[in-house]
Every structure is written in C-alpha cells, then in structure tokens.
Amino acid sequence: MTKILILCTGNSCRSQMAEGFLKSLDSNLTVESAGTEPATQVNPNAVKVMAEVGIDISKNKPKLVDQFINQGWDYVITVCDNAKVTCPAFLGKVKHRLHIGFEDPAKATGTPDEVTEIFRKVRDEIKEKFSEFIKGI
C-alpha cells in the first residue's frame, strides 16, 4: 500500500483538500496531511467547496507534522506556493519528495462570493494535479 503525506504550513486548506481528493481517488492509498504550524480547525471554506464535489472533510483536524516524522513514507508532497511561503521540510524516511504548489486560498480577500470562487479555483487545481499524480504512481 502506497503511503502519502501532504504538507503545508497550517494544514487547514490545500493539504486537507489534497488529502480528501487522494482518498476519494484511490481507497488503497494511505493518505495523511499535516502542517508545521497547524491551524485550530480546517478552514470552513475548504469544507464547503469540497462538499460541493461530494467529499466530506468536515471531521478532519489539522495535525502537527512531528507526529509522522518516525514513519516511513513513499511520497511526501508539499503544496504551498513557494513564491509566497516557505514550505515545510520533512526530515523523516521518504522515498520520493515532491512539490505541487498552489496559492493559499485562506489569504483570499473580497466579498464572501469572491473568496468562495478562489477556494473553488484552488480546489479544482488540486483535483487536476493530484489526479495526474495518481496516474503516475
């Protein structure tokens, strides 16, 4: 069974959406997500836009990456936009390290509808990129 760890800083949006998609795309994968500075909860906008595509992440909780450091992983994937944020480094046992960056929808500004649209855009990009990733493993 392939083990995948998805990392971001807060583990509240992008990494949670990527975890949700990967679990929905292949139930044979072991998928976790974590952050170096986990938020107190999954971003409600991420929960909302994932529910729109039939994926429930409402019970997920942001996790600290340290709890996974002693486990072996086939893939550790960072999802932060490296132009704007420093991605966390994972020092545990890893076969493949990848970066698949996305803008942080939590930083979106504007009306509630405009913010939701940014979350949808990032959600759709995550679905596309991780669907491509799954085909290659």
N, C-alpha and C. Protein backbone atom coordinates (compact mmCIF):
# COMPACT_ATOMS: atom_id res chain seq x y z
N MET A 1 0.83 -1.18 0.00
CA MET A 1 0.00 0.00 0.00
C MET A 1 0.88 1.25 0.00
N THR A 2 0.59 2.18 -0.88
CA THR A 2 1.35 3.42 -1.02
C THR A 2 0.95 4.39 0.09
N LYS A 3 1.99 4.95 0.77
CA LYS A 3 1.76 5.91 1.85
C LYS A 3 2.17 7.30 1.38
N ILE A 4 1.23 8.26 1.54
CA ILE A 4 1.46 9.62 1.07
C ILE A 4 1.19 10.59 2.22
N LEU A 5 2.12 11.51 2.45
CA LEU A 5 1.96 12.57 3.43
C LEU A 5 1.98 13.90 2.68
N ILE A 6 0.96 14.71 2.91
CA ILE A 6 0.85 16.01 2.25
C ILE A 6 1.10 17.09 3.30
N LEU A 7 2.04 17.98 3.00
CA LEU A 7 2.45 19.00 3.95
C LEU A 7 2.17 20.41 3.48
N CYS A 8 1.80 21.24 4.45
CA CYS A 8 1.68 22.67 4.24
C CYS A 8 1.93 23.31 5.60
N THR A 9 1.84 24.59 5.69
CA THR A 9 2.12 25.24 6.95
C THR A 9 0.99 25.02 7.96
N GLY A 10 -0.23 25.43 7.60
CA GLY A 10 -1.34 25.39 8.55
C GLY A 10 -2.19 24.14 8.54
N ASN A 11 -2.07 23.31 7.49
CA ASN A 11 -2.87 22.09 7.36
C ASN A 11 -4.36 22.37 7.53
N SER A 12 -4.82 23.49 6.92
CA SER A 12 -6.23 23.85 7.07
C SER A 12 -6.96 23.97 5.74
N CYS A 13 -6.24 24.10 4.63
CA CYS A 13 -6.90 24.27 3.32
C CYS A 13 -6.35 23.31 2.28
N ARG A 14 -5.22 23.71 1.65
CA ARG A 14 -4.70 22.98 0.50
C ARG A 14 -4.37 21.53 0.82
N SER A 15 -3.65 21.29 1.90
CA SER A 15 -3.28 19.92 2.23
C SER A 15 -4.50 19.08 2.61
N GLN A 16 -5.48 19.70 3.25
CA GLN A 16 -6.71 18.99 3.60
C GLN A 16 -7.50 18.62 2.34
N MET A 17 -7.57 19.56 1.38
CA MET A 17 -8.29 19.27 0.14
C MET A 17 -7.57 18.18 -0.65
N ALA A 18 -6.23 18.25 -0.70
CA ALA A 18 -5.47 17.22 -1.41
C ALA A 18 -5.66 15.86 -0.76
N GLU A 19 -5.63 15.81 0.56
CA GLU A 19 -5.87 14.55 1.26
C GLU A 19 -7.25 13.99 0.90
N GLY A 20 -8.26 14.85 0.92
CA GLY A 20 -9.61 14.42 0.57
C GLY A 20 -9.71 13.86 -0.83
N PHE A 21 -9.09 14.55 -1.79
CA PHE A 21 -9.12 14.07 -3.17
C PHE A 21 -8.40 12.73 -3.32
N LEU A 22 -7.20 12.63 -2.75
CA LEU A 22 -6.45 11.38 -2.89
C LEU A 22 -7.21 10.21 -2.30
N LYS A 23 -7.80 10.39 -1.15
CA LYS A 23 -8.59 9.31 -0.54
C LYS A 23 -9.78 8.94 -1.40
N SER A 24 -10.38 9.93 -2.06
CA SER A 24 -11.55 9.64 -2.91
C SER A 24 -11.14 9.01 -4.24
N LEU A 25 -9.92 9.28 -4.71
CA LEU A 25 -9.47 8.76 -5.99
C LEU A 25 -8.99 7.31 -5.92
N ASP A 26 -8.43 6.92 -4.76
CA ASP A 26 -7.90 5.56 -4.63
C ASP A 26 -7.96 5.13 -3.17
N SER A 27 -8.88 4.26 -2.84
CA SER A 27 -9.06 3.83 -1.46
C SER A 27 -7.93 2.92 -0.98
N ASN A 28 -7.04 2.50 -1.88
CA ASN A 28 -5.90 1.67 -1.49
C ASN A 28 -4.71 2.48 -0.99
N LEU A 29 -4.82 3.79 -1.06
CA LEU A 29 -3.74 4.65 -0.59
C LEU A 29 -3.89 4.91 0.90
N THR A 30 -2.76 5.06 1.59
CA THR A 30 -2.76 5.59 2.95
C THR A 30 -2.35 7.04 2.82
N VAL A 31 -3.25 7.95 3.17
CA VAL A 31 -3.01 9.38 2.97
C VAL A 31 -3.22 10.12 4.28
N GLU A 32 -2.26 10.97 4.62
CA GLU A 32 -2.37 11.86 5.76
C GLU A 32 -1.92 13.25 5.31
N SER A 33 -2.34 14.25 6.06
CA SER A 33 -1.83 15.60 5.83
C SER A 33 -1.45 16.21 7.17
N ALA A 34 -0.53 17.15 7.12
CA ALA A 34 -0.05 17.76 8.36
C ALA A 34 0.57 19.12 8.04
N GLY A 35 0.85 19.87 9.11
CA GLY A 35 1.46 21.18 8.95
C GLY A 35 2.52 21.44 10.00
N THR A 36 3.37 22.42 9.74
CA THR A 36 4.39 22.79 10.70
C THR A 36 3.82 23.72 11.76
N GLU A 37 2.76 24.43 11.43
CA GLU A 37 2.07 25.31 12.37
C GLU A 37 0.58 25.10 12.19
N PRO A 38 0.04 23.96 12.64
CA PRO A 38 -1.35 23.64 12.34
C PRO A 38 -2.34 24.66 12.90
N ALA A 39 -3.33 24.95 12.09
CA ALA A 39 -4.42 25.83 12.50
C ALA A 39 -5.26 25.11 13.55
N THR A 40 -6.21 25.82 14.13
CA THR A 40 -7.07 25.20 15.14
C THR A 40 -8.17 24.36 14.52
N GLN A 41 -8.51 24.64 13.24
CA GLN A 41 -9.55 23.87 12.56
C GLN A 41 -9.34 23.94 11.06
N VAL A 42 -9.99 23.03 10.35
CA VAL A 42 -9.98 23.07 8.89
C VAL A 42 -10.79 24.30 8.48
N ASN A 43 -10.29 25.02 7.50
CA ASN A 43 -10.96 26.23 7.05
C ASN A 43 -12.39 25.91 6.58
N PRO A 44 -13.40 26.60 7.11
CA PRO A 44 -14.79 26.33 6.72
C PRO A 44 -15.05 26.46 5.21
N ASN A 45 -14.32 27.35 4.55
CA ASN A 45 -14.48 27.48 3.09
C ASN A 45 -13.96 26.24 2.36
N ALA A 46 -12.89 25.64 2.88
CA ALA A 46 -12.38 24.40 2.28
C ALA A 46 -13.41 23.28 2.45
N VAL A 47 -13.99 23.20 3.64
CA VAL A 47 -15.03 22.19 3.90
C VAL A 47 -16.20 22.39 2.93
N LYS A 48 -16.60 23.64 2.76
CA LYS A 48 -17.74 23.98 1.90
C LYS A 48 -17.50 23.58 0.45
N VAL A 49 -16.35 23.98 -0.11
CA VAL A 49 -16.12 23.71 -1.53
C VAL A 49 -15.84 22.23 -1.80
N MET A 50 -15.30 21.53 -0.84
CA MET A 50 -15.11 20.08 -1.01
C MET A 50 -16.46 19.37 -0.96
N ALA A 51 -17.36 19.82 -0.09
CA ALA A 51 -18.70 19.23 -0.03
C ALA A 51 -19.44 19.41 -1.36
N GLU A 52 -19.15 20.50 -2.05
CA GLU A 52 -19.78 20.74 -3.36
C GLU A 52 -19.44 19.66 -4.37
N VAL A 53 -18.30 19.00 -4.18
CA VAL A 53 -17.89 17.92 -5.10
C VAL A 53 -18.02 16.55 -4.44
N GLY A 54 -18.77 16.49 -3.35
CA GLY A 54 -19.09 15.22 -2.72
C GLY A 54 -18.03 14.64 -1.80
N ILE A 55 -17.09 15.46 -1.33
CA ILE A 55 -16.04 14.98 -0.43
C ILE A 55 -16.18 15.69 0.91
N ASP A 56 -16.37 14.89 1.97
CA ASP A 56 -16.58 15.44 3.30
C ASP A 56 -15.27 15.48 4.08
N ILE A 57 -14.77 16.69 4.32
CA ILE A 57 -13.58 16.84 5.16
C ILE A 57 -13.94 17.55 6.46
N SER A 58 -15.22 17.62 6.77
CA SER A 58 -15.68 18.39 7.93
C SER A 58 -15.21 17.82 9.27
N LYS A 59 -14.87 16.55 9.32
CA LYS A 59 -14.42 15.94 10.58
C LYS A 59 -12.90 15.91 10.69
N ASN A 60 -12.20 16.37 9.64
CA ASN A 60 -10.74 16.40 9.68
C ASN A 60 -10.25 17.44 10.69
N LYS A 61 -9.07 17.19 11.22
CA LYS A 61 -8.44 18.12 12.16
C LYS A 61 -7.02 18.40 11.68
N PRO A 62 -6.58 19.66 11.73
CA PRO A 62 -5.18 19.96 11.41
C PRO A 62 -4.25 19.21 12.38
N LYS A 63 -3.16 18.68 11.82
CA LYS A 63 -2.22 17.88 12.61
C LYS A 63 -0.81 18.43 12.47
N LEU A 64 -0.03 18.24 13.52
CA LEU A 64 1.37 18.66 13.52
C LEU A 64 2.22 17.60 12.83
N VAL A 65 3.09 18.02 11.94
CA VAL A 65 3.91 17.11 11.16
C VAL A 65 4.77 16.20 12.05
N ASP A 66 5.13 16.66 13.23
CA ASP A 66 6.00 15.88 14.12
C ASP A 66 5.46 14.48 14.43
N GLN A 67 4.14 14.33 14.42
CA GLN A 67 3.58 13.02 14.75
C GLN A 67 3.83 11.98 13.67
N PHE A 68 4.29 12.40 12.49
CA PHE A 68 4.54 11.49 11.37
C PHE A 68 6.02 11.28 11.08
N ILE A 69 6.88 11.97 11.80
CA ILE A 69 8.31 12.02 11.46
C ILE A 69 8.99 10.66 11.57
N ASN A 70 8.51 9.79 12.44
CA ASN A 70 9.16 8.48 12.61
C ASN A 70 8.58 7.39 11.74
N GLN A 71 7.67 7.74 10.86
CA GLN A 71 7.06 6.77 9.96
C GLN A 71 7.74 6.86 8.59
N GLY A 72 7.77 5.75 7.87
CA GLY A 72 8.27 5.76 6.50
C GLY A 72 7.16 6.16 5.54
N TRP A 73 7.51 6.92 4.51
CA TRP A 73 6.52 7.40 3.53
C TRP A 73 7.04 7.12 2.12
N ASP A 74 6.13 6.73 1.23
CA ASP A 74 6.50 6.59 -0.18
C ASP A 74 6.64 7.96 -0.82
N TYR A 75 5.71 8.85 -0.47
CA TYR A 75 5.72 10.21 -1.02
C TYR A 75 5.45 11.21 0.09
N VAL A 76 6.22 12.28 0.11
CA VAL A 76 5.91 13.45 0.91
C VAL A 76 5.79 14.60 -0.08
N ILE A 77 4.61 15.23 -0.09
CA ILE A 77 4.30 16.25 -1.09
C ILE A 77 3.99 17.56 -0.38
N THR A 78 4.73 18.61 -0.72
CA THR A 78 4.42 19.94 -0.20
C THR A 78 3.50 20.63 -1.20
N VAL A 79 2.54 21.39 -0.67
CA VAL A 79 1.54 22.01 -1.54
C VAL A 79 1.49 23.52 -1.42
N CYS A 80 2.39 24.12 -0.63
CA CYS A 80 2.37 25.58 -0.52
C CYS A 80 2.97 26.21 -1.77
N ASP A 81 2.52 27.41 -2.02
CA ASP A 81 3.03 28.18 -3.16
C ASP A 81 4.38 28.74 -2.76
N ASN A 82 5.45 28.15 -3.26
CA ASN A 82 6.78 28.52 -2.78
C ASN A 82 7.19 29.94 -3.13
N ALA A 83 6.44 30.62 -3.99
CA ALA A 83 6.74 32.01 -4.27
C ALA A 83 6.30 32.91 -3.11
N LYS A 84 5.36 32.43 -2.31
CA LYS A 84 4.80 33.27 -1.25
C LYS A 84 5.07 32.76 0.15
N VAL A 85 5.40 31.49 0.29
CA VAL A 85 5.52 30.88 1.61
C VAL A 85 6.64 29.85 1.58
N THR A 86 7.33 29.69 2.66
CA THR A 86 8.36 28.67 2.74
C THR A 86 7.69 27.35 3.09
N CYS A 87 7.89 26.35 2.26
CA CYS A 87 7.31 25.04 2.52
C CYS A 87 8.05 24.35 3.64
N PRO A 88 7.33 23.56 4.42
CA PRO A 88 8.00 22.84 5.50
C PRO A 88 8.93 21.76 4.96
N ALA A 89 10.00 21.52 5.68
CA ALA A 89 10.91 20.43 5.34
C ALA A 89 10.53 19.22 6.19
N PHE A 90 10.57 18.06 5.59
CA PHE A 90 10.26 16.82 6.31
C PHE A 90 11.52 16.00 6.35
N LEU A 91 11.97 15.70 7.55
CA LEU A 91 13.26 15.04 7.71
C LEU A 91 13.14 13.54 7.94
N GLY A 92 11.93 13.01 7.87
CA GLY A 92 11.73 11.58 8.09
C GLY A 92 12.14 10.75 6.89
N LYS A 93 11.90 9.44 6.99
CA LYS A 93 12.26 8.49 5.94
C LYS A 93 11.26 8.58 4.79
N VAL A 94 11.76 9.00 3.61
CA VAL A 94 10.89 9.26 2.47
C VAL A 94 11.53 8.70 1.20
N LYS A 95 10.74 8.00 0.40
CA LYS A 95 11.25 7.51 -0.89
C LYS A 95 11.26 8.61 -1.94
N HIS A 96 10.16 9.40 -1.99
CA HIS A 96 10.03 10.45 -3.02
C HIS A 96 9.52 11.74 -2.37
N ARG A 97 10.23 12.83 -2.64
CA ARG A 97 9.77 14.16 -2.18
C ARG A 97 9.34 14.94 -3.40
N LEU A 98 8.14 15.50 -3.34
CA LEU A 98 7.60 16.28 -4.45
C LEU A 98 7.06 17.61 -3.95
N HIS A 99 7.03 18.58 -4.86
CA HIS A 99 6.36 19.84 -4.56
C HIS A 99 5.32 20.07 -5.65
N ILE A 100 4.07 20.22 -5.23
CA ILE A 100 2.98 20.57 -6.15
C ILE A 100 2.32 21.79 -5.53
N GLY A 101 2.74 22.98 -5.95
CA GLY A 101 2.33 24.20 -5.27
C GLY A 101 1.02 24.80 -5.75
N PHE A 102 0.31 25.40 -4.81
CA PHE A 102 -0.95 26.09 -5.08
C PHE A 102 -0.97 27.37 -4.25
N GLU A 103 -1.67 28.39 -4.76
CA GLU A 103 -1.83 29.60 -3.98
C GLU A 103 -2.66 29.28 -2.74
N ASP A 104 -2.49 30.08 -1.70
CA ASP A 104 -3.20 29.85 -0.44
C ASP A 104 -4.57 30.53 -0.49
N PRO A 105 -5.65 29.75 -0.60
CA PRO A 105 -6.97 30.38 -0.67
C PRO A 105 -7.37 31.06 0.64
N ALA A 106 -6.74 30.68 1.74
CA ALA A 106 -7.05 31.31 3.03
C ALA A 106 -6.65 32.78 3.04
N LYS A 107 -5.78 33.18 2.13
CA LYS A 107 -5.36 34.57 2.06
C LYS A 107 -6.23 35.39 1.10
N ALA A 108 -7.25 34.76 0.52
CA ALA A 108 -8.13 35.46 -0.43
C ALA A 108 -8.88 36.58 0.27
N THR A 109 -9.07 37.66 -0.47
CA THR A 109 -9.84 38.79 0.05
C THR A 109 -10.96 39.11 -0.92
N GLY A 110 -11.92 39.86 -0.44
CA GLY A 110 -13.06 40.24 -1.27
C GLY A 110 -14.36 39.87 -0.59
N THR A 111 -15.42 39.88 -1.37
CA THR A 111 -16.73 39.51 -0.84
C THR A 111 -16.73 38.01 -0.54
N PRO A 112 -17.68 37.55 0.26
CA PRO A 112 -17.76 36.11 0.52
C PRO A 112 -17.84 35.28 -0.77
N ASP A 113 -18.57 35.77 -1.77
CA ASP A 113 -18.67 35.04 -3.04
C ASP A 113 -17.33 35.01 -3.77
N GLU A 114 -16.59 36.12 -3.73
CA GLU A 114 -15.29 36.17 -4.39
C GLU A 114 -14.30 35.22 -3.71
N VAL A 115 -14.34 35.18 -2.38
CA VAL A 115 -13.46 34.28 -1.64
C VAL A 115 -13.81 32.82 -1.96
N THR A 116 -15.10 32.52 -1.99
CA THR A 116 -15.53 31.15 -2.32
C THR A 116 -15.05 30.76 -3.71
N GLU A 117 -15.09 31.68 -4.65
CA GLU A 117 -14.61 31.38 -6.01
C GLU A 117 -13.12 31.04 -6.02
N ILE A 118 -12.34 31.73 -5.21
CA ILE A 118 -10.91 31.42 -5.14
C ILE A 118 -10.71 30.02 -4.55
N PHE A 119 -11.47 29.69 -3.52
CA PHE A 119 -11.39 28.34 -2.96
C PHE A 119 -11.76 27.30 -4.01
N ARG A 120 -12.79 27.57 -4.80
CA ARG A 120 -13.19 26.62 -5.86
C ARG A 120 -12.09 26.47 -6.90
N LYS A 121 -11.46 27.57 -7.26
CA LYS A 121 -10.38 27.54 -8.27
C LYS A 121 -9.22 26.68 -7.75
N VAL A 122 -8.80 26.90 -6.52
CA VAL A 122 -7.71 26.12 -5.95
C VAL A 122 -8.12 24.66 -5.80
N ARG A 123 -9.36 24.42 -5.35
CA ARG A 123 -9.87 23.04 -5.24
C ARG A 123 -9.76 22.32 -6.58
N ASP A 124 -10.20 22.98 -7.64
CA ASP A 124 -10.18 22.36 -8.96
C ASP A 124 -8.75 22.11 -9.45
N GLU A 125 -7.84 23.03 -9.13
CA GLU A 125 -6.43 22.84 -9.49
C GLU A 125 -5.84 21.64 -8.73
N ILE A 126 -6.18 21.54 -7.45
CA ILE A 126 -5.70 20.41 -6.64
C ILE A 126 -6.22 19.10 -7.21
N LYS A 127 -7.50 19.06 -7.55
CA LYS A 127 -8.08 17.83 -8.12
C LYS A 127 -7.34 17.45 -9.40
N GLU A 128 -7.11 18.42 -10.26
CA GLU A 128 -6.43 18.14 -11.54
C GLU A 128 -5.01 17.64 -11.32
N LYS A 129 -4.23 18.34 -10.51
CA LYS A 129 -2.83 17.97 -10.30
C LYS A 129 -2.69 16.63 -9.60
N PHE A 130 -3.54 16.36 -8.61
CA PHE A 130 -3.42 15.10 -7.88
C PHE A 130 -4.01 13.93 -8.68
N SER A 131 -4.95 14.20 -9.56
CA SER A 131 -5.41 13.15 -10.48
C SER A 131 -4.28 12.75 -11.40
N GLU A 132 -3.51 13.72 -11.90
CA GLU A 132 -2.35 13.44 -12.74
C GLU A 132 -1.30 12.67 -11.94
N PHE A 133 -1.06 13.09 -10.71
CA PHE A 133 -0.06 12.43 -9.85
C PHE A 133 -0.40 10.96 -9.66
N ILE A 134 -1.66 10.66 -9.37
CA ILE A 134 -2.11 9.27 -9.11
C ILE A 134 -1.85 8.39 -10.33
N LYS A 135 -2.04 8.92 -11.52
CA LYS A 135 -1.82 8.13 -12.73
C LYS A 135 -0.35 7.71 -12.85
N GLY A 136 0.55 8.49 -12.27
CA GLY A 136 1.98 8.22 -12.42
C GLY A 136 2.59 7.33 -11.35
N ILE A 137 1.80 6.96 -10.34
CA ILE A 137 2.42 6.13 -9.28
C ILE A 137 2.06 4.67 -9.42
